[in-house]
Amino acid sequence: MAQANNVIMIVGRVGADPEMKYIDSNKVVARFNVAVNRPTKDAEGNNITDWFSCEFWGKQAEIAGEYVKKGTLVSVVGSGRIDKWESNGEKRSKFS
């Protein structure tokens, strides 16, 4: 039996229509961000929103490009990673 490592599920609303990119003549990638509100609020009573970057390739990208639009409620299952870089001497990171 295969072991599943680093599996996440994100349920939230899409922030903008997917960005579609065609690589070569037969490869397609779709990218979009998903907003997830935390169950708690900040000190002023405002929602706290986390944003997740999602990327799909091939047939899944084609489907996302056709059906996913800004504001769509989506459920995404996949793996996550932490990207790290330095900008102007400041260390940065982003979960995607």
Protein backbone atom coordinates (compact mmCIF):
# COMPACT_ATOMS: atom_id res chain seq x y z
CA MET A 1 0.00 0.00 0.00
CA ALA A 2 1.34 3.43 -0.97
CA GLN A 3 1.88 5.88 1.83
CA ALA A 4 0.47 9.40 1.40
CA ASN A 5 2.76 12.13 2.68
CA ASN A 6 2.08 15.84 2.89
CA VAL A 7 -1.59 15.75 1.90
CA ILE A 8 -3.64 18.90 2.44
CA MET A 9 -7.24 19.87 1.74
CA ILE A 10 -8.20 23.49 1.15
CA VAL A 11 -11.82 24.65 0.99
CA GLY A 12 -12.38 28.28 0.11
CA ARG A 13 -13.19 30.83 -2.56
CA VAL A 14 -11.09 31.63 -5.62
CA GLY A 15 -9.66 35.17 -5.55
CA ALA A 16 -9.42 35.69 -9.34
CA ASP A 17 -9.97 33.77 -12.55
CA PRO A 18 -7.23 31.18 -13.14
CA GLU A 19 -4.08 32.30 -14.92
CA MET A 20 -3.63 29.92 -17.83
CA LYS A 21 -0.19 29.35 -19.34
CA TYR A 22 0.55 27.16 -22.34
CA ILE A 23 4.00 25.59 -22.46
CA ASP A 24 5.19 24.15 -25.75
CA SER A 25 2.23 23.09 -27.86
CA ASN A 26 0.61 20.48 -25.63
CA LYS A 27 1.22 21.40 -21.98
CA VAL A 28 -1.01 23.69 -19.95
CA VAL A 29 -0.77 25.00 -16.38
CA ALA A 30 -3.46 26.83 -14.41
CA ARG A 31 -2.70 28.93 -11.32
CA PHE A 32 -5.06 30.63 -8.90
CA ASN A 33 -5.28 31.62 -5.23
CA VAL A 34 -7.85 30.34 -2.75
CA ALA A 35 -9.01 32.41 0.26
CA VAL A 36 -9.86 30.54 3.47
CA ASN A 37 -11.36 32.41 6.42
CA ARG A 38 -10.19 31.29 9.85
CA PRO A 39 -12.91 30.41 12.36
CA THR A 40 -11.67 33.15 14.70
CA LYS A 41 -11.59 36.92 14.20
CA ASP A 42 -8.93 39.51 14.96
CA ALA A 43 -9.09 41.99 17.88
CA GLU A 44 -11.31 44.37 15.87
CA GLY A 45 -13.77 41.58 14.95
CA ASN A 46 -12.63 41.23 11.33
CA ASN A 47 -12.25 37.93 9.52
CA ILE A 48 -8.71 36.58 9.25
CA THR A 49 -8.10 35.24 5.75
CA ASP A 50 -5.32 32.89 4.67
CA TRP A 51 -4.42 32.71 0.97
CA PHE A 52 -3.16 29.53 -0.71
CA SER A 53 -1.56 29.35 -4.16
CA CYS A 54 -2.80 26.43 -6.26
CA GLU A 55 -1.27 25.06 -9.45
CA PHE A 56 -2.69 22.44 -11.80
CA TRP A 57 -1.18 20.76 -14.86
CA GLY A 58 -2.58 18.94 -17.89
CA LYS A 59 -6.21 17.83 -17.92
CA GLN A 60 -6.83 19.21 -14.41
CA ALA A 61 -5.58 22.62 -15.60
CA GLU A 62 -7.93 22.51 -18.59
CA ILE A 63 -10.88 21.69 -16.30
CA ALA A 64 -9.91 24.48 -13.88
CA GLY A 65 -9.69 26.95 -16.76
CA GLU A 66 -13.16 26.01 -17.94
CA TYR A 67 -15.06 25.82 -14.64
CA VAL A 68 -13.19 27.82 -11.99
CA LYS A 69 -13.95 31.54 -11.86
CA LYS A 70 -13.42 34.33 -9.32
CA GLY A 71 -15.59 33.68 -6.25
CA THR A 72 -16.11 29.98 -6.98
CA LEU A 73 -16.19 27.78 -3.87
CA VAL A 74 -13.59 25.04 -4.42
CA SER A 75 -12.18 22.07 -2.57
CA VAL A 76 -8.57 21.30 -3.47
CA VAL A 77 -6.67 18.21 -2.36
CA GLY A 78 -2.94 18.00 -3.01
CA SER A 79 0.48 18.44 -1.50
CA GLY A 80 1.92 21.62 -0.02
CA ARG A 81 5.38 23.13 -0.01
CA ILE A 82 7.12 26.10 1.56
CA ASP A 83 8.98 28.32 -0.90
CA LYS A 84 11.80 30.37 0.64
CA TRP A 85 13.71 33.29 -0.86
CA GLU A 86 15.45 36.51 0.04
CA SER A 87 14.34 39.94 -1.18
CA ASN A 88 16.28 43.12 -0.39
CA GLY A 89 18.13 41.30 2.39
CA GLU A 90 14.87 40.14 4.01
CA LYS A 91 14.12 36.42 4.28
CA ARG A 92 10.68 35.56 2.91
CA SER A 93 8.60 32.39 2.70
CA LYS A 94 5.27 31.35 1.23
CA PHE A 95 3.20 28.22 1.63
CA SER A 96 1.81 26.91 -1.65
